[in-house]
Amino acid sequence: MVRTPLTPEERERGERLGRLLREARGSRSMVEVAAAAGLSAETLRKIETGRAPTPAFFTVAALAASLGLSMDDLVRRCAPLPAPRAA
């Protein structure tokens, strides 16, 4: 199966998600947070660094729960930025 290349917007959204997760993780180790979410530390590392910019919904939900984040907040903070309106 050939994967469709990501758009610049998808890459940016993945980078925003990674930054948000890193900030929420704070001083907790990657291994600790990944284990609490039922993921490998490598999966979390890929998401945080933007190498996995489109993680599965249940992966994001598990990370959000382990970090005490609401899915609503994640959507609000990671959703695509609105396009500029034409004048």
Protein backbone atom coordinates (compact mmCIF):
# COMPACT_ATOMS: atom_id res chain seq x y z
CA MET A 1 0.00 0.00 0.00
CA VAL A 2 1.36 3.40 -0.99
CA ARG A 3 0.71 6.15 1.52
CA THR A 4 -0.45 9.54 0.24
CA PRO A 5 2.07 12.27 1.12
CA LEU A 6 1.02 14.52 3.96
CA THR A 7 -0.03 18.06 3.26
CA PRO A 8 1.84 20.94 4.90
CA GLU A 9 -1.24 21.49 7.10
CA GLU A 10 -1.16 17.86 8.30
CA ARG A 11 2.53 18.17 9.11
CA GLU A 12 1.94 21.39 11.04
CA ARG A 13 -0.96 19.85 12.97
CA GLY A 14 1.30 16.90 13.89
CA GLU A 15 3.99 19.29 15.10
CA ARG A 16 1.44 21.17 17.24
CA LEU A 17 0.26 17.87 18.73
CA GLY A 18 3.85 16.85 19.50
CA ARG A 19 4.59 20.17 21.22
CA LEU A 20 1.40 19.96 23.27
CA LEU A 21 2.17 16.41 24.41
CA ARG A 22 5.76 17.33 25.33
CA GLU A 23 4.53 20.31 27.36
CA ALA A 24 1.87 18.23 29.10
CA ARG A 25 4.39 15.47 29.88
CA GLY A 26 6.56 18.00 31.72
CA SER A 27 9.18 16.25 33.85
CA ARG A 28 7.61 12.80 33.47
CA SER A 29 9.72 10.45 31.40
CA MET A 30 8.68 9.37 27.94
CA VAL A 31 8.79 5.74 29.13
CA GLU A 32 6.46 6.49 32.06
CA VAL A 33 3.87 8.31 29.94
CA ALA A 34 4.02 5.77 27.12
CA ALA A 35 3.56 2.87 29.54
CA ALA A 36 0.58 4.62 31.19
CA ALA A 37 -0.98 5.01 27.74
CA GLY A 38 -0.20 1.44 26.69
CA LEU A 39 2.24 2.52 23.98
CA SER A 40 5.91 2.06 23.31
CA ALA A 41 8.26 4.90 24.15
CA GLU A 42 9.32 4.88 20.48
CA THR A 43 5.74 5.55 19.38
CA LEU A 44 5.50 8.49 21.77
CA ARG A 45 8.89 9.76 20.60
CA LYS A 46 7.73 9.66 16.96
CA ILE A 47 4.55 11.56 17.80
CA GLU A 48 6.34 14.18 19.90
CA THR A 49 8.96 14.80 17.21
CA GLY A 50 6.46 14.94 14.34
CA ARG A 51 7.75 11.77 12.65
CA ALA A 52 4.26 10.28 13.17
CA PRO A 53 2.09 13.35 12.51
CA THR A 54 -1.18 11.44 12.08
CA PRO A 55 -1.44 8.98 14.98
CA ALA A 56 -4.55 6.85 15.35
CA PHE A 57 -7.46 8.30 17.31
CA PHE A 58 -7.19 5.71 20.09
CA THR A 59 -3.46 6.41 20.45
CA VAL A 60 -4.17 10.11 20.93
CA ALA A 61 -7.05 9.34 23.30
CA ALA A 62 -4.83 7.07 25.43
CA LEU A 63 -2.09 9.71 25.60
CA ALA A 64 -4.60 12.43 26.47
CA ALA A 65 -6.02 10.30 29.30
CA SER A 66 -2.56 9.49 30.68
CA LEU A 67 -1.61 13.19 30.61
CA GLY A 68 -4.90 14.52 31.99
CA LEU A 69 -5.79 16.35 28.78
CA SER A 70 -9.30 16.53 27.37
CA MET A 71 -9.90 15.54 23.77
CA ASP A 72 -11.79 18.81 23.30
CA ASP A 73 -8.69 20.76 24.33
CA LEU A 74 -6.50 18.71 22.00
CA VAL A 75 -8.82 19.33 19.08
CA ARG A 76 -9.00 23.04 19.84
CA ARG A 77 -5.23 23.39 20.13
CA CYS A 78 -4.25 21.11 17.23
CA ALA A 79 -6.98 21.81 14.68
CA PRO A 80 -5.91 23.44 11.43
CA LEU A 81 -5.58 27.19 11.62
CA PRO A 82 -8.37 29.00 9.78
CA ALA A 83 -7.51 30.17 6.30
CA PRO A 84 -7.23 33.94 5.83
CA ARG A 85 -10.41 35.47 4.48
CA ALA A 86 -10.37 37.28 1.19
CA ALA A 87 -10.99 41.00 1.51
